[in-house]
N, C-alpha and C. Protein backbone atom coordinates (compact mmCIF):
# COMPACT_ATOMS: atom_id res chain seq x y z
N UNK A 1 44.42 191.00 118.57
CA UNK A 1 45.37 189.95 118.32
C UNK A 1 46.83 190.46 118.36
N UNK A 2 47.04 191.66 117.82
CA UNK A 2 48.39 192.19 117.74
C UNK A 2 48.99 192.39 119.14
N UNK A 3 48.15 192.71 120.12
CA UNK A 3 48.64 192.93 121.45
C UNK A 3 49.19 191.65 122.09
N UNK A 4 48.72 190.52 121.62
CA UNK A 4 49.15 189.24 122.19
C UNK A 4 50.60 188.94 121.84
N UNK A 5 51.08 189.44 120.73
CA UNK A 5 52.41 189.13 120.26
C UNK A 5 53.37 190.26 120.59
N UNK A 6 53.34 190.67 121.85
CA UNK A 6 54.26 191.71 122.30
C UNK A 6 55.63 191.09 122.62
N UNK A 7 56.58 191.95 122.88
CA UNK A 7 57.95 191.44 123.07
C UNK A 7 58.11 190.78 124.44
N UNK A 8 57.55 191.37 125.49
CA UNK A 8 57.76 190.88 126.84
C UNK A 8 59.07 191.38 127.38
N UNK A 9 59.32 191.17 128.66
CA UNK A 9 60.57 191.66 129.27
C UNK A 9 61.77 190.82 128.90
N UNK A 10 61.54 189.53 128.66
CA UNK A 10 62.64 188.62 128.32
C UNK A 10 63.34 188.09 129.56
N UNK A 11 63.11 188.69 130.70
CA UNK A 11 63.74 188.18 131.97
C UNK A 11 62.94 186.98 132.46
N UNK A 12 63.68 185.89 132.70
CA UNK A 12 63.07 184.66 133.15
C UNK A 12 63.28 184.50 134.68
N UNK A 13 62.27 183.98 135.32
CA UNK A 13 62.34 183.72 136.76
C UNK A 13 63.49 182.76 137.05
N UNK A 14 64.36 183.10 137.97
CA UNK A 14 65.51 182.24 138.22
C UNK A 14 65.95 182.36 139.69
N UNK A 15 66.44 181.29 140.28
CA UNK A 15 66.93 181.39 141.66
C UNK A 15 68.21 182.24 141.69
N UNK A 16 68.46 182.82 142.84
CA UNK A 16 69.67 183.64 142.96
C UNK A 16 70.91 182.76 142.70
N UNK A 17 71.84 183.32 141.90
CA UNK A 17 73.05 182.57 141.61
C UNK A 17 72.85 181.39 140.65
N UNK A 18 71.83 181.48 139.78
CA UNK A 18 71.53 180.38 138.88
C UNK A 18 72.72 179.97 138.04
N UNK A 19 73.50 180.98 137.56
CA UNK A 19 74.65 180.69 136.74
C UNK A 19 75.67 179.85 137.51
N UNK A 20 75.94 180.25 138.74
CA UNK A 20 76.97 179.55 139.52
C UNK A 20 76.49 178.15 139.93
N UNK A 21 75.21 178.04 140.28
CA UNK A 21 74.65 176.72 140.56
C UNK A 21 74.80 175.83 139.32
N UNK A 22 74.49 176.42 138.14
CA UNK A 22 74.58 175.65 136.91
C UNK A 22 76.02 175.26 136.61
N UNK A 23 76.96 176.18 136.79
CA UNK A 23 78.36 175.90 136.51
C UNK A 23 78.86 174.80 137.46
N UNK A 24 78.53 174.93 138.74
CA UNK A 24 78.93 173.92 139.69
C UNK A 24 78.37 172.55 139.36
N UNK A 25 77.08 172.52 139.00
CA UNK A 25 76.44 171.25 138.63
C UNK A 25 77.04 170.67 137.37
N UNK A 26 77.41 171.53 136.43
CA UNK A 26 78.04 171.07 135.19
C UNK A 26 79.37 170.41 135.46
N UNK A 27 80.17 171.05 136.32
CA UNK A 27 81.46 170.45 136.70
C UNK A 27 81.25 169.14 137.45
N UNK A 28 80.26 169.12 138.33
CA UNK A 28 79.99 167.89 139.09
C UNK A 28 79.55 166.77 138.18
N UNK A 29 78.75 167.12 137.15
CA UNK A 29 78.32 166.13 136.16
C UNK A 29 79.54 165.50 135.50
N UNK A 30 80.50 166.33 135.13
CA UNK A 30 81.74 165.82 134.48
C UNK A 30 82.51 164.94 135.44
N UNK A 31 82.64 165.36 136.68
CA UNK A 31 83.40 164.59 137.68
C UNK A 31 82.80 163.20 137.89
N UNK A 32 81.47 163.15 138.00
CA UNK A 32 80.78 161.87 138.16
C UNK A 32 81.09 160.96 136.96
N UNK A 33 81.08 161.56 135.78
CA UNK A 33 81.38 160.79 134.57
C UNK A 33 82.81 160.25 134.58
N UNK A 34 83.77 161.06 134.99
CA UNK A 34 85.15 160.62 135.04
C UNK A 34 85.30 159.50 136.05
N UNK A 35 84.62 159.57 137.19
CA UNK A 35 84.66 158.52 138.21
C UNK A 35 84.07 157.22 137.63
N UNK A 36 82.97 157.34 136.88
CA UNK A 36 82.31 156.18 136.32
C UNK A 36 83.24 155.49 135.32
N UNK A 37 83.95 156.26 134.53
CA UNK A 37 84.87 155.70 133.52
C UNK A 37 86.12 155.11 134.21
N UNK A 38 86.61 155.79 135.25
CA UNK A 38 87.77 155.30 136.00
C UNK A 38 87.47 154.00 136.72
N UNK A 39 86.20 153.76 137.05
CA UNK A 39 85.79 152.51 137.69
C UNK A 39 84.81 151.79 136.78
N UNK A 40 85.27 151.55 135.53
CA UNK A 40 84.41 151.02 134.49
C UNK A 40 83.82 149.65 134.82
N UNK A 41 84.62 148.82 135.50
CA UNK A 41 84.12 147.49 135.84
C UNK A 41 82.96 147.60 136.81
N UNK A 42 83.04 148.53 137.77
CA UNK A 42 81.91 148.74 138.68
C UNK A 42 80.70 149.28 137.90
N UNK A 43 80.96 150.23 137.00
CA UNK A 43 79.88 150.83 136.22
C UNK A 43 79.18 149.70 135.40
N UNK A 44 79.96 148.83 134.81
CA UNK A 44 79.36 147.73 134.05
C UNK A 44 78.56 146.76 134.92
N UNK A 45 78.98 146.63 136.19
CA UNK A 45 78.27 145.75 137.11
C UNK A 45 76.87 146.26 137.40
N UNK A 46 76.67 147.58 137.28
CA UNK A 46 75.35 148.13 137.56
C UNK A 46 74.36 147.85 136.41
N UNK A 47 74.86 147.23 135.38
CA UNK A 47 73.98 146.86 134.23
C UNK A 47 72.94 145.84 134.66
N UNK A 48 73.13 145.26 135.83
CA UNK A 48 72.14 144.27 136.34
C UNK A 48 70.78 144.95 136.53
N UNK A 49 70.78 146.28 136.74
CA UNK A 49 69.54 147.02 136.86
C UNK A 49 68.83 147.03 135.53
N UNK A 50 69.58 147.27 134.47
CA UNK A 50 68.98 147.18 133.12
C UNK A 50 68.40 145.77 132.87
N UNK A 51 69.16 144.78 133.26
CA UNK A 51 68.72 143.39 133.05
C UNK A 51 67.45 143.10 133.83
N UNK A 52 67.33 143.65 135.03
CA UNK A 52 66.14 143.46 135.84
C UNK A 52 64.90 144.07 135.14
N UNK A 53 65.04 145.32 134.69
CA UNK A 53 63.92 145.95 133.99
C UNK A 53 63.55 145.19 132.73
N UNK A 54 64.58 144.78 131.99
CA UNK A 54 64.32 144.06 130.75
C UNK A 54 63.64 142.71 130.98
N UNK A 55 64.01 142.06 132.08
CA UNK A 55 63.42 140.74 132.38
C UNK A 55 62.00 140.85 132.92
N UNK A 56 61.65 141.99 133.42
CA UNK A 56 60.33 142.18 134.03
C UNK A 56 59.54 143.24 133.29
N UNK A 57 59.50 143.12 131.95
CA UNK A 57 58.80 144.11 131.15
C UNK A 57 57.53 143.51 130.57
N UNK A 58 56.78 144.34 129.91
CA UNK A 58 55.53 143.95 129.26
C UNK A 58 55.48 144.56 127.89
N UNK A 59 54.62 144.09 127.01
CA UNK A 59 54.52 144.72 125.66
C UNK A 59 54.24 146.21 125.74
N UNK A 60 53.39 146.64 126.69
CA UNK A 60 53.11 148.07 126.79
C UNK A 60 54.36 148.83 127.21
N UNK A 61 55.10 148.30 128.15
CA UNK A 61 56.33 149.00 128.58
C UNK A 61 57.36 149.08 127.45
N UNK A 62 57.45 148.02 126.67
CA UNK A 62 58.36 148.05 125.52
C UNK A 62 57.91 149.09 124.49
N UNK A 63 56.61 149.17 124.27
CA UNK A 63 56.05 150.17 123.35
C UNK A 63 56.36 151.57 123.84
N UNK A 64 56.16 151.82 125.14
CA UNK A 64 56.41 153.13 125.72
C UNK A 64 57.89 153.50 125.62
N UNK A 65 58.79 152.53 125.84
CA UNK A 65 60.23 152.76 125.76
C UNK A 65 60.60 153.15 124.33
N UNK A 66 59.99 152.52 123.35
CA UNK A 66 60.28 152.83 121.94
C UNK A 66 59.79 154.24 121.60
N UNK A 67 58.62 154.61 122.12
CA UNK A 67 58.08 155.98 121.89
C UNK A 67 59.02 157.00 122.49
N UNK A 68 59.51 156.77 123.72
CA UNK A 68 60.37 157.75 124.38
C UNK A 68 61.77 157.76 123.74
N UNK A 69 62.10 156.74 122.96
CA UNK A 69 63.37 156.71 122.24
C UNK A 69 63.52 157.92 121.33
N UNK A 70 62.39 158.42 120.81
CA UNK A 70 62.43 159.46 119.78
C UNK A 70 62.52 160.86 120.42
N UNK A 71 62.54 160.97 121.71
CA UNK A 71 62.38 162.26 122.36
C UNK A 71 63.54 163.24 122.20
N UNK A 72 64.74 162.70 121.88
CA UNK A 72 65.84 163.65 121.65
C UNK A 72 66.34 163.70 120.22
N UNK A 73 65.49 163.22 119.30
CA UNK A 73 65.83 163.40 117.88
C UNK A 73 65.67 164.88 117.55
N UNK A 74 66.52 165.40 116.69
CA UNK A 74 66.54 166.82 116.42
C UNK A 74 65.19 167.32 115.95
N UNK A 75 64.49 166.56 115.12
CA UNK A 75 63.19 166.99 114.60
C UNK A 75 62.17 167.05 115.77
N UNK A 76 62.17 166.07 116.61
CA UNK A 76 61.26 166.04 117.75
C UNK A 76 61.53 167.18 118.72
N UNK A 77 62.82 167.39 119.00
CA UNK A 77 63.22 168.49 119.89
C UNK A 77 62.78 169.82 119.30
N UNK A 78 63.01 170.00 117.99
CA UNK A 78 62.63 171.24 117.33
C UNK A 78 61.10 171.48 117.43
N UNK A 79 60.33 170.45 117.19
CA UNK A 79 58.87 170.58 117.25
C UNK A 79 58.44 170.97 118.70
N UNK A 80 59.01 170.31 119.69
CA UNK A 80 58.64 170.61 121.08
C UNK A 80 58.99 172.06 121.40
N UNK A 81 60.18 172.51 121.02
CA UNK A 81 60.61 173.87 121.35
C UNK A 81 59.78 174.91 120.58
N UNK A 82 59.42 174.61 119.33
CA UNK A 82 58.60 175.56 118.55
C UNK A 82 57.21 175.69 119.15
N UNK A 83 56.62 174.55 119.51
CA UNK A 83 55.27 174.58 120.12
C UNK A 83 55.31 175.36 121.46
N UNK A 84 56.34 175.10 122.27
CA UNK A 84 56.48 175.85 123.52
C UNK A 84 56.66 177.34 123.21
N UNK A 85 57.48 177.66 122.23
CA UNK A 85 57.72 179.03 121.88
C UNK A 85 56.48 179.78 121.44
N UNK A 86 55.61 179.11 120.65
CA UNK A 86 54.37 179.72 120.20
C UNK A 86 53.45 180.01 121.36
N UNK A 87 53.33 179.04 122.27
CA UNK A 87 52.46 179.19 123.41
C UNK A 87 52.91 180.31 124.34
N UNK A 88 54.21 180.36 124.60
CA UNK A 88 54.78 181.38 125.49
C UNK A 88 54.71 182.75 124.83
N UNK A 89 54.91 182.82 123.51
CA UNK A 89 54.78 184.08 122.80
C UNK A 89 53.39 184.71 122.97
N UNK A 90 52.36 183.86 122.82
CA UNK A 90 51.01 184.34 122.99
C UNK A 90 50.76 184.81 124.42
N UNK A 91 51.35 184.11 125.37
CA UNK A 91 51.07 184.38 126.79
C UNK A 91 51.98 185.50 127.38
N UNK A 92 53.29 185.42 127.10
CA UNK A 92 54.21 186.32 127.75
C UNK A 92 55.09 187.14 126.83
N UNK A 93 54.95 186.96 125.53
CA UNK A 93 55.76 187.74 124.60
C UNK A 93 56.86 186.93 123.92
N UNK A 94 57.29 187.39 122.76
CA UNK A 94 58.21 186.58 121.96
C UNK A 94 59.63 186.53 122.56
N UNK A 95 60.05 187.59 123.27
CA UNK A 95 61.41 187.57 123.83
C UNK A 95 61.48 186.57 125.00
N UNK A 96 60.45 186.52 125.79
CA UNK A 96 60.40 185.53 126.89
C UNK A 96 60.32 184.12 126.29
N UNK A 97 59.58 183.98 125.22
CA UNK A 97 59.46 182.67 124.54
C UNK A 97 60.81 182.23 124.00
N UNK A 98 61.51 183.17 123.41
CA UNK A 98 62.86 182.85 122.87
C UNK A 98 63.78 182.40 124.02
N UNK A 99 63.69 183.10 125.13
CA UNK A 99 64.52 182.74 126.27
C UNK A 99 64.23 181.32 126.76
N UNK A 100 62.98 180.95 126.84
CA UNK A 100 62.63 179.62 127.31
C UNK A 100 63.14 178.56 126.31
N UNK A 101 63.07 178.86 125.03
CA UNK A 101 63.57 177.93 124.00
C UNK A 101 65.10 177.76 124.10
N UNK A 102 65.77 178.86 124.36
CA UNK A 102 67.23 178.86 124.48
C UNK A 102 67.66 178.05 125.70
N UNK A 103 66.97 178.26 126.80
CA UNK A 103 67.29 177.54 128.07
C UNK A 103 67.15 176.06 127.86
N UNK A 104 66.04 175.61 127.26
CA UNK A 104 65.80 174.17 127.05
C UNK A 104 66.78 173.61 126.01
N UNK A 105 66.88 174.31 124.86
CA UNK A 105 67.70 173.79 123.79
C UNK A 105 69.19 173.83 124.06
N UNK A 106 69.68 175.01 124.46
CA UNK A 106 71.09 175.14 124.73
C UNK A 106 71.50 174.36 126.00
N UNK A 107 70.60 174.32 126.97
CA UNK A 107 70.88 173.51 128.18
C UNK A 107 71.06 172.03 127.85
N UNK A 108 70.34 171.59 126.85
CA UNK A 108 70.49 170.20 126.36
C UNK A 108 71.78 170.01 125.59
N UNK A 109 72.03 170.90 124.65
CA UNK A 109 73.21 170.76 123.77
C UNK A 109 74.53 170.94 124.53
N UNK A 110 74.49 171.73 125.60
CA UNK A 110 75.68 172.05 126.36
C UNK A 110 76.33 170.81 126.92
N UNK A 111 75.52 169.79 127.24
CA UNK A 111 76.04 168.60 127.86
C UNK A 111 76.84 167.75 126.89
N UNK A 112 76.78 168.06 125.60
CA UNK A 112 77.52 167.28 124.60
C UNK A 112 79.02 167.40 124.89
N UNK A 113 79.43 168.52 125.45
CA UNK A 113 80.87 168.66 125.80
C UNK A 113 81.28 167.66 126.84
N UNK A 114 80.46 167.45 127.83
CA UNK A 114 80.76 166.44 128.85
C UNK A 114 80.84 165.06 128.27
N UNK A 115 79.87 164.75 127.38
CA UNK A 115 79.85 163.43 126.75
C UNK A 115 81.13 163.14 125.97
N UNK A 116 81.61 164.17 125.26
CA UNK A 116 82.84 163.97 124.45
C UNK A 116 84.08 163.86 125.30
N UNK A 117 84.16 164.60 126.39
CA UNK A 117 85.33 164.62 127.24
C UNK A 117 85.38 163.34 128.10
N UNK A 118 84.24 162.96 128.68
CA UNK A 118 84.20 161.77 129.52
C UNK A 118 84.40 160.51 128.71
N UNK A 119 83.76 160.43 127.54
CA UNK A 119 83.95 159.34 126.57
C UNK A 119 83.73 157.97 127.16
N UNK A 120 82.58 157.79 127.84
CA UNK A 120 82.27 156.49 128.41
C UNK A 120 81.67 155.59 127.32
N UNK A 121 82.24 154.39 127.07
CA UNK A 121 81.71 153.51 126.02
C UNK A 121 80.31 153.03 126.38
N UNK A 122 79.47 152.93 125.36
CA UNK A 122 78.08 152.54 125.58
C UNK A 122 77.94 150.99 125.69
N UNK A 123 77.05 150.54 126.52
CA UNK A 123 76.82 149.09 126.63
C UNK A 123 76.12 148.58 125.36
N UNK A 124 76.22 147.29 125.12
CA UNK A 124 75.56 146.70 123.98
C UNK A 124 74.09 146.51 124.30
N UNK A 125 73.17 147.11 123.52
CA UNK A 125 71.71 146.98 123.83
C UNK A 125 71.29 145.52 123.79
N UNK A 126 70.13 145.28 124.37
CA UNK A 126 69.63 143.90 124.50
C UNK A 126 69.30 143.27 123.15
N UNK A 127 69.02 144.09 122.15
CA UNK A 127 68.71 143.53 120.84
C UNK A 127 69.97 143.10 120.11
N UNK A 128 71.14 143.36 120.67
CA UNK A 128 72.38 142.92 120.09
C UNK A 128 72.97 143.81 119.00
N UNK A 129 72.28 144.87 118.64
CA UNK A 129 72.76 145.76 117.59
C UNK A 129 73.52 146.94 118.20
N UNK A 130 74.57 147.37 117.51
CA UNK A 130 75.32 148.49 117.99
C UNK A 130 74.47 149.77 117.98
N UNK A 131 74.48 150.56 119.04
CA UNK A 131 73.65 151.77 119.09
C UNK A 131 74.25 152.84 118.19
N UNK A 132 73.40 153.76 117.77
CA UNK A 132 73.82 154.79 116.79
C UNK A 132 74.90 155.70 117.32
N UNK A 133 74.96 155.90 118.65
CA UNK A 133 75.98 156.74 119.27
C UNK A 133 76.86 155.90 120.17
N UNK A 134 78.19 156.05 120.02
CA UNK A 134 79.11 155.20 120.73
C UNK A 134 79.31 155.59 122.20
N UNK A 135 79.06 156.85 122.51
CA UNK A 135 79.30 157.35 123.87
C UNK A 135 78.03 157.33 124.70
N UNK A 136 78.19 157.05 125.99
CA UNK A 136 77.03 156.75 126.82
C UNK A 136 76.70 157.81 127.88
N UNK A 137 77.71 158.36 128.52
CA UNK A 137 77.47 159.26 129.64
C UNK A 137 77.55 160.75 129.22
N UNK A 138 76.55 161.56 129.66
CA UNK A 138 75.27 161.19 130.28
C UNK A 138 74.22 160.92 129.22
N UNK A 139 73.05 160.52 129.65
CA UNK A 139 71.95 160.24 128.69
C UNK A 139 71.45 161.57 128.10
N UNK A 140 71.53 161.67 126.79
CA UNK A 140 71.02 162.88 126.09
C UNK A 140 69.51 163.02 126.21
N UNK A 141 68.83 161.84 126.17
CA UNK A 141 67.34 161.89 126.28
C UNK A 141 66.92 162.49 127.63
N UNK A 142 67.53 161.99 128.69
CA UNK A 142 67.18 162.45 130.05
C UNK A 142 67.57 163.93 130.19
N UNK A 143 68.73 164.26 129.66
CA UNK A 143 69.21 165.66 129.76
C UNK A 143 68.21 166.62 129.13
N UNK A 144 67.70 166.29 127.96
CA UNK A 144 66.76 167.17 127.27
C UNK A 144 65.48 167.38 128.08
N UNK A 145 64.89 166.25 128.56
CA UNK A 145 63.63 166.38 129.29
C UNK A 145 63.82 167.19 130.58
N UNK A 146 64.99 166.99 131.21
CA UNK A 146 65.25 167.73 132.45
C UNK A 146 65.45 169.23 132.16
N UNK A 147 66.17 169.55 131.08
CA UNK A 147 66.35 170.94 130.71
C UNK A 147 65.00 171.59 130.30
N UNK A 148 64.18 170.81 129.61
CA UNK A 148 62.85 171.31 129.24
C UNK A 148 62.01 171.58 130.51
N UNK A 149 62.15 170.75 131.53
CA UNK A 149 61.42 170.90 132.76
C UNK A 149 61.82 172.24 133.43
N UNK A 150 63.10 172.57 133.43
CA UNK A 150 63.55 173.82 134.02
C UNK A 150 62.99 175.00 133.22
N UNK A 151 63.02 174.91 131.93
CA UNK A 151 62.53 176.01 131.09
C UNK A 151 61.03 176.25 131.32
N UNK A 152 60.27 175.21 131.40
CA UNK A 152 58.81 175.32 131.63
C UNK A 152 58.58 175.85 133.03
N UNK A 153 59.35 175.40 134.01
CA UNK A 153 59.21 175.85 135.38
C UNK A 153 59.38 177.37 135.51
N UNK A 154 60.40 177.91 134.83
CA UNK A 154 60.66 179.35 134.97
C UNK A 154 59.59 180.15 134.22
N UNK A 155 59.09 179.62 133.11
CA UNK A 155 58.05 180.33 132.35
C UNK A 155 56.74 180.36 133.12
N UNK A 156 56.44 179.28 133.81
CA UNK A 156 55.16 179.18 134.53
C UNK A 156 55.26 179.75 135.96
N UNK A 157 56.32 180.47 136.27
CA UNK A 157 56.44 181.09 137.59
C UNK A 157 55.25 181.98 137.90
N UNK A 158 54.62 181.76 139.06
CA UNK A 158 53.48 182.54 139.44
C UNK A 158 52.13 182.01 138.92
N UNK A 159 52.20 180.96 138.08
CA UNK A 159 50.98 180.39 137.53
C UNK A 159 50.51 179.24 138.39
N UNK A 160 49.21 179.02 138.48
CA UNK A 160 48.69 177.91 139.25
C UNK A 160 49.00 176.56 138.58
N UNK A 161 49.38 176.63 137.29
CA UNK A 161 49.69 175.40 136.54
C UNK A 161 51.14 174.98 136.70
N UNK A 162 51.95 175.83 137.38
CA UNK A 162 53.37 175.58 137.42
C UNK A 162 53.71 174.20 137.98
N UNK A 163 53.28 173.92 139.20
CA UNK A 163 53.70 172.68 139.86
C UNK A 163 53.06 171.44 139.25
N UNK A 164 51.77 171.45 138.87
CA UNK A 164 51.25 170.24 138.19
C UNK A 164 52.02 169.90 136.91
N UNK A 165 52.36 170.93 136.12
CA UNK A 165 53.09 170.67 134.87
C UNK A 165 54.52 170.22 135.17
N UNK A 166 55.17 170.88 136.14
CA UNK A 166 56.54 170.52 136.49
C UNK A 166 56.60 169.08 137.04
N UNK A 167 55.65 168.73 137.88
CA UNK A 167 55.60 167.36 138.43
C UNK A 167 55.45 166.36 137.28
N UNK A 168 54.58 166.69 136.33
CA UNK A 168 54.40 165.80 135.16
C UNK A 168 55.70 165.63 134.40
N UNK A 169 56.40 166.72 134.16
CA UNK A 169 57.67 166.69 133.40
C UNK A 169 58.76 165.94 134.20
N UNK A 170 58.75 166.10 135.52
CA UNK A 170 59.72 165.34 136.35
C UNK A 170 59.46 163.85 136.22
N UNK A 171 58.17 163.48 136.24
CA UNK A 171 57.84 162.06 136.08
C UNK A 171 58.21 161.60 134.68
N UNK A 172 58.05 162.47 133.68
CA UNK A 172 58.47 162.13 132.34
C UNK A 172 59.97 161.93 132.26
N UNK A 173 60.72 162.74 132.99
CA UNK A 173 62.17 162.61 133.04
C UNK A 173 62.56 161.22 133.62
N UNK A 174 61.89 160.83 134.72
CA UNK A 174 62.17 159.54 135.32
C UNK A 174 61.74 158.39 134.40
N UNK A 175 60.62 158.58 133.71
CA UNK A 175 60.17 157.55 132.77
C UNK A 175 61.10 157.40 131.59
N UNK A 176 61.68 158.53 131.14
CA UNK A 176 62.65 158.51 130.06
C UNK A 176 63.90 157.76 130.51
N UNK A 177 64.35 158.04 131.72
CA UNK A 177 65.53 157.33 132.27
C UNK A 177 65.25 155.84 132.38
N UNK A 178 64.07 155.50 132.86
CA UNK A 178 63.70 154.06 132.96
C UNK A 178 63.71 153.41 131.61
N UNK A 179 63.20 154.12 130.58
CA UNK A 179 63.12 153.54 129.24
C UNK A 179 64.50 153.27 128.66
N UNK A 180 65.48 154.12 129.03
CA UNK A 180 66.84 153.92 128.49
C UNK A 180 67.45 152.64 129.12
N UNK A 181 67.10 152.42 130.39
CA UNK A 181 67.62 151.21 131.05
C UNK A 181 66.89 149.96 130.53
N UNK A 182 65.62 150.11 130.29
CA UNK A 182 64.83 148.97 129.78
C UNK A 182 65.37 148.51 128.43
N UNK A 183 65.80 149.45 127.60
CA UNK A 183 66.37 149.12 126.29
C UNK A 183 67.82 148.68 126.37
N UNK A 184 68.41 148.91 127.55
CA UNK A 184 69.83 148.48 127.75
C UNK A 184 70.83 149.37 127.03
N UNK A 185 70.49 150.62 126.79
CA UNK A 185 71.42 151.50 126.03
C UNK A 185 72.20 152.46 126.94
N UNK A 186 71.95 152.36 128.25
CA UNK A 186 72.67 153.22 129.19
C UNK A 186 72.92 152.47 130.51
N UNK A 187 73.96 152.91 131.22
CA UNK A 187 74.17 152.49 132.59
C UNK A 187 73.36 153.40 133.52
N UNK A 188 73.03 152.92 134.71
CA UNK A 188 72.24 153.76 135.63
C UNK A 188 72.91 155.13 135.92
N UNK A 189 74.22 155.18 136.01
CA UNK A 189 74.88 156.46 136.30
C UNK A 189 74.69 157.46 135.14
N UNK A 190 74.46 156.93 133.93
CA UNK A 190 74.20 157.82 132.78
C UNK A 190 72.89 158.56 132.99
N UNK A 191 71.94 157.92 133.63
CA UNK A 191 70.66 158.54 133.96
C UNK A 191 70.83 159.63 134.99
N UNK A 192 71.58 159.29 136.07
CA UNK A 192 71.87 160.29 137.10
C UNK A 192 72.58 161.50 136.49
N UNK A 193 73.55 161.22 135.62
CA UNK A 193 74.28 162.31 134.94
C UNK A 193 73.38 163.13 134.06
N UNK A 194 72.39 162.48 133.42
CA UNK A 194 71.46 163.21 132.55
C UNK A 194 70.58 164.15 133.35
N UNK A 195 70.08 163.70 134.50
CA UNK A 195 69.27 164.54 135.35
C UNK A 195 70.06 165.74 135.85
N UNK A 196 71.25 165.49 136.39
CA UNK A 196 72.10 166.58 136.89
C UNK A 196 72.55 167.46 135.75
N UNK A 197 72.89 166.87 134.61
CA UNK A 197 73.38 167.64 133.49
C UNK A 197 72.31 168.54 132.87
N UNK A 198 71.09 168.03 132.78
CA UNK A 198 70.00 168.84 132.22
C UNK A 198 69.65 169.97 133.17
N UNK A 199 69.64 169.70 134.45
CA UNK A 199 69.33 170.72 135.44
C UNK A 199 70.40 171.81 135.46
N UNK A 200 71.65 171.39 135.50
CA UNK A 200 72.75 172.36 135.59
C UNK A 200 72.97 173.11 134.29
N UNK A 201 72.82 172.40 133.16
CA UNK A 201 72.96 173.07 131.88
C UNK A 201 71.92 174.13 131.66
N UNK A 202 70.67 173.83 132.04
CA UNK A 202 69.57 174.80 131.91
C UNK A 202 69.80 175.99 132.83
N UNK A 203 70.24 175.74 134.09
CA UNK A 203 70.51 176.83 135.00
C UNK A 203 71.65 177.72 134.53
N UNK A 204 72.66 177.10 133.95
CA UNK A 204 73.80 177.84 133.41
C UNK A 204 73.36 178.79 132.31
N UNK A 205 72.59 178.25 131.36
CA UNK A 205 72.08 179.06 130.23
C UNK A 205 71.11 180.11 130.74
N UNK A 206 70.30 179.76 131.71
CA UNK A 206 69.35 180.70 132.29
C UNK A 206 70.07 181.92 132.90
N UNK A 207 71.15 181.65 133.63
CA UNK A 207 71.91 182.76 134.19
C UNK A 207 72.52 183.65 133.14
N UNK A 208 73.06 183.05 132.08
CA UNK A 208 73.66 183.81 130.96
C UNK A 208 72.57 184.63 130.24
N UNK A 209 71.44 184.01 130.01
CA UNK A 209 70.32 184.69 129.29
C UNK A 209 69.90 185.93 130.06
N UNK A 210 69.62 185.78 131.32
CA UNK A 210 69.14 186.96 132.09
C UNK A 210 70.20 188.04 132.19
N UNK A 211 71.48 187.64 132.30
CA UNK A 211 72.58 188.64 132.31
C UNK A 211 72.59 189.42 130.99
N UNK A 212 72.44 188.66 129.89
CA UNK A 212 72.48 189.29 128.55
C UNK A 212 71.32 190.26 128.37
N UNK A 213 70.14 189.84 128.77
CA UNK A 213 68.94 190.69 128.62
C UNK A 213 69.08 191.96 129.44
N UNK A 214 69.56 191.84 130.68
CA UNK A 214 69.73 193.03 131.53
C UNK A 214 70.79 193.94 130.96
N UNK A 215 71.84 193.38 130.37
CA UNK A 215 72.89 194.20 129.76
C UNK A 215 72.37 194.98 128.59
N UNK A 216 71.62 194.33 127.73
CA UNK A 216 71.02 194.99 126.55
C UNK A 216 70.03 196.05 126.97
N UNK A 217 69.23 195.75 127.96
CA UNK A 217 68.23 196.71 128.46
C UNK A 217 68.88 197.97 129.02
N UNK A 218 69.98 197.81 129.77
CA UNK A 218 70.69 198.99 130.31
C UNK A 218 71.26 199.83 129.21
N UNK A 219 71.78 199.24 128.17
CA UNK A 219 72.37 199.99 127.07
C UNK A 219 71.35 200.77 126.28
N UNK A 220 70.13 200.31 126.27
CA UNK A 220 69.07 201.00 125.52
C UNK A 220 68.53 202.21 126.27
N UNK A 221 68.75 202.27 127.56
CA UNK A 221 68.20 203.40 128.36
C UNK A 221 69.02 204.67 128.17
C-alpha cells in the first residue's frame, strides 16, 4: 500500500507552449467580454436563445439545470477536486495529483479577474429574482467544468480511458452551458467566454506548474 502513495514526477502532459496558448486565450477571453459589453444591446438581443430553451423545456430538463446549478459552489468544487486528487495520488503519485488539482482549481479561479474587469451586468433570470452574483461574463460554471476537463485530460495522457472521459466532460461542459441559458442567468456569449476562459486558464496554470516543477527539480540535483 505504501508504494501506491509515491510522490510521482509532478510533470503534467502539456502541449508545447501551453503557457503562451493559455495567456493568449485569456487575453482573447477578456477582449470578447469587452466587445460584448461595448455592444450591450446586441448582447441583450441574444437572450432570445435563453427564451427559446426556456419555452421548450420539460420537468426533467429543469431538474437537470437545477442540479448543474450547484457545480461551481465552493463546497462542490472542493469535493470534486479532493476526489480527483485521491484517485490520481493512488495512480500517479501525490505531486501529480496536486498538479491536476491546481490546474483545475486555479484555472477556474483565474477567470474571476476577467469577470471583474469586464463587468457585464447579468440578465434577470426567468423566475424574476435577482441572481446572487451581479456580473455575468464569463460563466463561472462553464469555466470550472472546462478547466476540470483539461486537468483530467492531461492526467489521463496515455490511458485508454482518456478520450472517453474527456468526451464525457466536454458534453458535461456543453450541458452546463445549456443549463445556464435555460435558467436565463447568462447570455450566450457568457457560455462561449466560459469555455474559452476555462481552457485558457487551465493551460496557463499548466504551463506555470510544469515550469515550477522543472525549476525545483533542477535545484535539487
